[in-house]
PDB file of all heavy atoms in Angstrom:
ATOM      1  N   SER A   1     106.516  27.537 127.088  1.00  0.00           N
ATOM      2  CA  SER A   1     105.169  27.905 127.482  1.00  0.00           C
ATOM      3  C   SER A   1     105.204  28.781 128.743  1.00  0.00           C
ATOM      4  O   SER A   1     104.413  29.737 128.862  1.00  0.00           O
ATOM      5  CB  SER A   1     104.311  26.670 127.702  1.00  0.00           C
ATOM      6  OG  SER A   1     104.837  25.868 128.727  1.00  0.00           O
ATOM      7  N   LEU A   2     106.101  28.487 129.669  1.00  0.00           N
ATOM      8  CA  LEU A   2     106.221  29.308 130.881  1.00  0.00           C
ATOM      9  C   LEU A   2     106.704  30.723 130.507  1.00  0.00           C
ATOM     10  O   LEU A   2     106.186  31.702 130.998  1.00  0.00           O
ATOM     11  CB  LEU A   2     107.182  28.657 131.870  1.00  0.00           C
ATOM     12  CG  LEU A   2     107.463  29.426 133.152  1.00  0.00           C
ATOM     13  CD1 LEU A   2     106.182  29.632 133.950  1.00  0.00           C
ATOM     14  CD2 LEU A   2     108.509  28.729 133.984  1.00  0.00           C
ATOM     15  N   LYS A   3     107.673  30.771 129.616  1.00  0.00           N
ATOM     16  CA  LYS A   3     108.218  32.080 129.195  1.00  0.00           C
ATOM     17  C   LYS A   3     107.137  32.928 128.534  1.00  0.00           C
ATOM     18  O   LYS A   3     107.022  34.122 128.782  1.00  0.00           O
ATOM     19  CB  LYS A   3     109.385  31.857 128.263  1.00  0.00           C
ATOM     20  CG  LYS A   3     110.091  33.122 127.863  1.00  0.00           C
ATOM     21  CD  LYS A   3     111.307  32.828 127.015  1.00  0.00           C
ATOM     22  CE  LYS A   3     112.017  34.111 126.642  1.00  0.00           C
ATOM     23  NZ  LYS A   3     113.226  33.845 125.862  1.00  0.00           N
ATOM     24  N   ASP A   4     106.334  32.295 127.670  1.00  0.00           N
ATOM     25  CA  ASP A   4     105.253  33.027 126.987  1.00  0.00           C
ATOM     26  C   ASP A   4     104.202  33.516 127.982  1.00  0.00           C
ATOM     27  O   ASP A   4     103.695  34.642 127.863  1.00  0.00           O
ATOM     28  CB  ASP A   4     104.619  32.154 125.929  1.00  0.00           C
ATOM     29  CG  ASP A   4     105.534  31.877 124.747  1.00  0.00           C
ATOM     30  OD1 ASP A   4     106.490  32.644 124.554  1.00  0.00           O
ATOM     31  OD2 ASP A   4     105.278  30.903 124.030  1.00  0.00           O
ATOM     32  N   ALA A   5     103.860  32.685 128.961  1.00  0.00           N
ATOM     33  CA  ALA A   5     102.854  33.080 129.944  1.00  0.00           C
ATOM     34  C   ALA A   5     103.344  34.237 130.808  1.00  0.00           C
ATOM     35  O   ALA A   5     102.589  35.188 131.067  1.00  0.00           O
ATOM     36  CB  ALA A   5     102.500  31.882 130.816  1.00  0.00           C
ATOM     37  N   VAL A   6     104.599  34.195 131.198  1.00  0.00           N
ATOM     38  CA  VAL A   6     105.155  35.301 132.011  1.00  0.00           C
ATOM     39  C   VAL A   6     105.263  36.561 131.175  1.00  0.00           C
ATOM     40  O   VAL A   6     104.988  37.658 131.640  1.00  0.00           O
ATOM     41  CB  VAL A   6     106.516  34.880 132.611  1.00  0.00           C
ATOM     42  CG1 VAL A   6     107.200  36.050 133.279  1.00  0.00           C
ATOM     43  CG2 VAL A   6     106.300  33.765 133.626  1.00  0.00           C
ATOM     44  N   LYS A   7     105.621  36.401 129.900  1.00  0.00           N
ATOM     45  CA  LYS A   7     105.698  37.565 129.016  1.00  0.00           C
ATOM     46  C   LYS A   7     104.339  38.234 128.853  1.00  0.00           C
ATOM     47  O   LYS A   7     104.242  39.475 128.906  1.00  0.00           O
ATOM     48  CB  LYS A   7     106.241  37.118 127.660  1.00  0.00           C
ATOM     49  CG  LYS A   7     106.471  38.245 126.692  1.00  0.00           C
ATOM     50  CD  LYS A   7     107.035  37.725 125.386  1.00  0.00           C
ATOM     51  CE  LYS A   7     107.211  38.855 124.405  1.00  0.00           C
ATOM     52  NZ  LYS A   7     107.748  38.364 123.125  1.00  0.00           N
ATOM     53  N   SER A   8     103.289  37.440 128.681  1.00  0.00           N
ATOM     54  CA  SER A   8     101.961  38.032 128.543  1.00  0.00           C
ATOM     55  C   SER A   8     101.495  38.656 129.858  1.00  0.00           C
ATOM     56  O   SER A   8     100.818  39.705 129.843  1.00  0.00           O
ATOM     57  CB  SER A   8     100.947  36.982 128.080  1.00  0.00           C
ATOM     58  OG  SER A   8     100.763  35.996 129.056  1.00  0.00           O
ATOM     59  N   LEU A   9     101.889  38.096 130.994  1.00  0.00           N
ATOM     60  CA  LEU A   9     101.555  38.699 132.280  1.00  0.00           C
ATOM     61  C   LEU A   9     102.274  40.027 132.460  1.00  0.00           C
ATOM     62  O   LEU A   9     101.683  41.007 132.917  1.00  0.00           O
ATOM     63  CB  LEU A   9     101.898  37.746 133.422  1.00  0.00           C
ATOM     64  CG  LEU A   9     101.604  38.210 134.845  1.00  0.00           C
ATOM     65  CD1 LEU A   9     100.098  38.426 135.010  1.00  0.00           C
ATOM     66  CD2 LEU A   9     102.117  37.203 135.844  1.00  0.00           C
ATOM     67  N   ARG A  10     103.543  40.089 132.056  1.00  0.00           N
ATOM     68  CA  ARG A  10     104.277  41.325 132.171  1.00  0.00           C
ATOM     69  C   ARG A  10     103.700  42.431 131.275  1.00  0.00           C
ATOM     70  O   ARG A  10     103.590  43.574 131.673  1.00  0.00           O
ATOM     71  CB  ARG A  10     105.746  41.095 131.837  1.00  0.00           C
ATOM     72  CG  ARG A  10     106.472  40.262 132.882  1.00  0.00           C
ATOM     73  CD  ARG A  10     107.885  40.003 132.481  1.00  0.00           C
ATOM     74  NE  ARG A  10     108.662  41.207 132.682  1.00  0.00           N
ATOM     75  CZ  ARG A  10     109.913  41.343 132.293  1.00  0.00           C
ATOM     76  NH1 ARG A  10     110.538  40.350 131.679  1.00  0.00           N
ATOM     77  NH2 ARG A  10     110.556  42.476 132.523  1.00  0.00           N
ATOM     78  N   SER A  11     103.314  42.051 130.051  1.00  0.00           N
ATOM     79  CA  SER A  11     102.743  43.069 129.186  1.00  0.00           C
ATOM     80  C   SER A  11     101.375  43.547 129.666  1.00  0.00           C
ATOM     81  O   SER A  11     101.032  44.716 129.533  1.00  0.00           O
ATOM     82  CB  SER A  11     102.664  42.538 127.744  1.00  0.00           C
ATOM     83  OG  SER A  11     101.765  41.459 127.656  1.00  0.00           O
ATOM     84  N   ALA A  12     100.591  42.647 130.221  1.00  0.00           N
ATOM     85  CA  ALA A  12      99.290  43.056 130.802  1.00  0.00           C
ATOM     86  C   ALA A  12      99.476  43.956 131.998  1.00  0.00           C
ATOM     87  O   ALA A  12      98.724  44.909 132.202  1.00  0.00           O
ATOM     88  CB  ALA A  12      98.509  41.816 131.196  1.00  0.00           C
ATOM     89  N   ARG A  13     100.500  43.692 132.766  1.00  0.00           N
ATOM     90  CA  ARG A  13     100.802  44.555 133.922  1.00  0.00           C
ATOM     91  C   ARG A  13     101.178  45.956 133.477  1.00  0.00           C
ATOM     92  O   ARG A  13     100.708  46.940 134.017  1.00  0.00           O
ATOM     93  CB  ARG A  13     101.923  43.959 134.741  1.00  0.00           C
ATOM     94  CG  ARG A  13     102.468  44.950 135.767  1.00  0.00           C
ATOM     95  CD  ARG A  13     103.705  44.522 136.414  1.00  0.00           C
ATOM     96  NE  ARG A  13     104.855  44.376 135.548  1.00  0.00           N
ATOM     97  CZ  ARG A  13     106.075  44.226 136.013  1.00  0.00           C
ATOM     98  NH1 ARG A  13     106.285  44.201 137.297  1.00  0.00           N
ATOM     99  NH2 ARG A  13     107.066  44.100 135.199  1.00  0.00           N
ATOM    100  N   LEU A  14     102.033  46.029 132.449  1.00  0.00           N
ATOM    101  CA  LEU A  14     102.457  47.340 131.971  1.00  0.00           C
ATOM    102  C   LEU A  14     101.315  48.131 131.336  1.00  0.00           C
ATOM    103  O   LEU A  14     101.300  49.355 131.389  1.00  0.00           O
ATOM    104  CB  LEU A  14     103.609  47.166 130.973  1.00  0.00           C
ATOM    105  CG  LEU A  14     104.912  46.672 131.580  1.00  0.00           C
ATOM    106  CD1 LEU A  14     105.960  46.455 130.481  1.00  0.00           C
ATOM    107  CD2 LEU A  14     105.441  47.667 132.613  1.00  0.00           C
ATOM    108  N   ALA A  15     100.352  47.424 130.771  1.00  0.00           N
ATOM    109  CA  ALA A  15      99.204  48.079 130.162  1.00  0.00           C
ATOM    110  C   ALA A  15      98.124  48.411 131.190  1.00  0.00           C
ATOM    111  O   ALA A  15      97.136  49.093 130.843  1.00  0.00           O
ATOM    112  CB  ALA A  15      98.629  47.181 129.074  1.00  0.00           C
ATOM    113  N   HIS A  16      98.285  47.986 132.432  1.00  0.00           N
ATOM    114  CA  HIS A  16      97.292  48.166 133.499  1.00  0.00           C
ATOM    115  C   HIS A  16      95.926  47.651 133.046  1.00  0.00           C
ATOM    116  O   HIS A  16      94.901  48.281 133.305  1.00  0.00           O
ATOM    117  CB  HIS A  16      97.213  49.624 133.935  1.00  0.00           C
ATOM    118  CG  HIS A  16      98.382  50.069 134.706  1.00  0.00           C
ATOM    119  ND1 HIS A  16      98.419  50.057 136.071  1.00  0.00           N
ATOM    120  CD2 HIS A  16      99.607  50.532 134.318  1.00  0.00           C
ATOM    121  CE1 HIS A  16      99.582  50.505 136.488  1.00  0.00           C
ATOM    122  NE2 HIS A  16     100.317  50.797 135.437  1.00  0.00           N
ATOM    123  N   ASP A  17      95.940  46.494 132.413  1.00  0.00           N
ATOM    124  CA  ASP A  17      94.691  45.870 131.934  1.00  0.00           C
ATOM    125  C   ASP A  17      94.369  44.724 132.888  1.00  0.00           C
ATOM    126  O   ASP A  17      95.003  43.664 132.864  1.00  0.00           O
ATOM    127  CB  ASP A  17      94.887  45.358 130.522  1.00  0.00           C
ATOM    128  CG  ASP A  17      93.605  44.902 129.887  1.00  0.00           C
ATOM    129  OD1 ASP A  17      92.627  44.672 130.611  1.00  0.00           O
ATOM    130  OD2 ASP A  17      93.588  44.755 128.649  1.00  0.00           O
ATOM    131  N   SER A  18      93.356  44.927 133.703  1.00  0.00           N
ATOM    132  CA  SER A  18      93.054  43.949 134.744  1.00  0.00           C
ATOM    133  C   SER A  18      92.537  42.637 134.158  1.00  0.00           C
ATOM    134  O   SER A  18      92.859  41.564 134.668  1.00  0.00           O
ATOM    135  CB  SER A  18      92.035  44.509 135.745  1.00  0.00           C
ATOM    136  OG  SER A  18      90.812  44.780 135.102  1.00  0.00           O
ATOM    137  N   ASP A  19      91.750  42.707 133.085  1.00  0.00           N
ATOM    138  CA  ASP A  19      91.227  41.478 132.483  1.00  0.00           C
ATOM    139  C   ASP A  19      92.346  40.607 131.904  1.00  0.00           C
ATOM    140  O   ASP A  19      92.359  39.406 132.084  1.00  0.00           O
ATOM    141  CB  ASP A  19      90.211  41.809 131.384  1.00  0.00           C
ATOM    142  CG  ASP A  19      88.956  42.443 131.934  1.00  0.00           C
ATOM    143  OD1 ASP A  19      88.637  42.168 133.115  1.00  0.00           O
ATOM    144  OD2 ASP A  19      88.323  43.210 131.198  1.00  0.00           O
ATOM    145  N   LYS A  20      93.296  41.256 131.236  1.00  0.00           N
ATOM    146  CA  LYS A  20      94.428  40.510 130.672  1.00  0.00           C
ATOM    147  C   LYS A  20      95.319  39.958 131.775  1.00  0.00           C
ATOM    148  O   LYS A  20      95.885  38.872 131.642  1.00  0.00           O
ATOM    149  CB  LYS A  20      95.232  41.394 129.720  1.00  0.00           C
ATOM    150  CG  LYS A  20      94.540  41.632 128.403  1.00  0.00           C
ATOM    151  CD  LYS A  20      95.440  42.412 127.464  1.00  0.00           C
ATOM    152  CE  LYS A  20      94.745  42.697 126.147  1.00  0.00           C
ATOM    153  NZ  LYS A  20      95.584  43.501 125.240  1.00  0.00           N
ATOM    154  N   CYS A  21      95.460  40.706 132.854  1.00  0.00           N
ATOM    155  CA  CYS A  21      96.244  40.218 134.002  1.00  0.00           C
ATOM    156  C   CYS A  21      95.622  38.967 134.595  1.00  0.00           C
ATOM    157  O   CYS A  21      96.309  37.987 134.896  1.00  0.00           O
ATOM    158  CB  CYS A  21      96.378  41.287 135.077  1.00  0.00           C
ATOM    159  SG  CYS A  21      97.626  42.522 134.776  1.00  0.00           S
ATOM    160  N   VAL A  22      94.320  38.985 134.767  1.00  0.00           N
ATOM    161  CA  VAL A  22      93.621  37.847 135.322  1.00  0.00           C
ATOM    162  C   VAL A  22      93.736  36.646 134.390  1.00  0.00           C
ATOM    163  O   VAL A  22      94.003  35.525 134.818  1.00  0.00           O
ATOM    164  CB  VAL A  22      92.135  38.198 135.619  1.00  0.00           C
ATOM    165  CG1 VAL A  22      91.351  36.969 135.974  1.00  0.00           C
ATOM    166  CG2 VAL A  22      92.070  39.230 136.735  1.00  0.00           C
ATOM    167  N   ASP A  23      93.566  36.876 133.082  1.00  0.00           N
ATOM    168  CA  ASP A  23      93.685  35.796 132.103  1.00  0.00           C
ATOM    169  C   ASP A  23      95.086  35.220 132.065  1.00  0.00           C
ATOM    170  O   ASP A  23      95.285  34.004 132.032  1.00  0.00           O
ATOM    171  CB  ASP A  23      93.266  36.267 130.712  1.00  0.00           C
ATOM    172  CG  ASP A  23      91.801  36.594 130.607  1.00  0.00           C
ATOM    173  OD1 ASP A  23      91.023  36.120 131.475  1.00  0.00           O
ATOM    174  OD2 ASP A  23      91.411  37.339 129.694  1.00  0.00           O
ATOM    175  N   ALA A  24      96.096  36.108 132.063  1.00  0.00           N
ATOM    176  CA  ALA A  24      97.485  35.654 132.025  1.00  0.00           C
ATOM    177  C   ALA A  24      97.856  34.896 133.287  1.00  0.00           C
ATOM    178  O   ALA A  24      98.566  33.873 133.242  1.00  0.00           O
ATOM    179  CB  ALA A  24      98.431  36.846 131.814  1.00  0.00           C
ATOM    180  N   ALA A  25      97.394  35.364 134.440  1.00  0.00           N
ATOM    181  CA  ALA A  25      97.688  34.676 135.686  1.00  0.00           C
ATOM    182  C   ALA A  25      96.997  33.322 135.730  1.00  0.00           C
ATOM    183  O   ALA A  25      97.570  32.341 136.211  1.00  0.00           O
ATOM    184  CB  ALA A  25      97.257  35.545 136.866  1.00  0.00           C
ATOM    185  N   SER A  26      95.790  33.243 135.167  1.00  0.00           N
ATOM    186  CA  SER A  26      95.087  31.953 135.138  1.00  0.00           C
ATOM    187  C   SER A  26      95.803  30.954 134.240  1.00  0.00           C
ATOM    188  O   SER A  26      95.945  29.789 134.564  1.00  0.00           O
ATOM    189  CB  SER A  26      93.653  32.148 134.639  1.00  0.00           C
ATOM    190  OG  SER A  26      92.932  32.943 135.532  1.00  0.00           O
ATOM    191  N   SER A  27      96.277  31.431 133.087  1.00  0.00           N
ATOM    192  CA  SER A  27      97.020  30.545 132.204  1.00  0.00           C
ATOM    193  C   SER A  27      98.348  30.121 132.829  1.00  0.00           C
ATOM    194  O   SER A  27      98.805  28.990 132.639  1.00  0.00           O
ATOM    195  CB  SER A  27      97.250  31.197 130.830  1.00  0.00           C
ATOM    196  OG  SER A  27      98.154  32.258 130.944  1.00  0.00           O
ATOM    197  N   LEU A  28      98.953  31.017 133.587  1.00  0.00           N
ATOM    198  CA  LEU A  28     100.209  30.680 134.291  1.00  0.00           C
ATOM    199  C   LEU A  28      99.969  29.603 135.352  1.00  0.00           C
ATOM    200  O   LEU A  28     100.766  28.684 135.473  1.00  0.00           O
ATOM    201  CB  LEU A  28     100.791  31.948 134.922  1.00  0.00           C
ATOM    202  CG  LEU A  28     102.164  31.845 135.545  1.00  0.00           C
ATOM    203  CD1 LEU A  28     103.193  31.429 134.502  1.00  0.00           C
ATOM    204  CD2 LEU A  28     102.551  33.160 136.151  1.00  0.00           C
TER     205      LEU A  28
END
């Protein structure tokens, strides 16, 4: 679960999608 959360955070960062970054950081 930690690996998946970090993976989604990294992909949101690369996409420069602020909403996905906030969601991924919250799930982390």
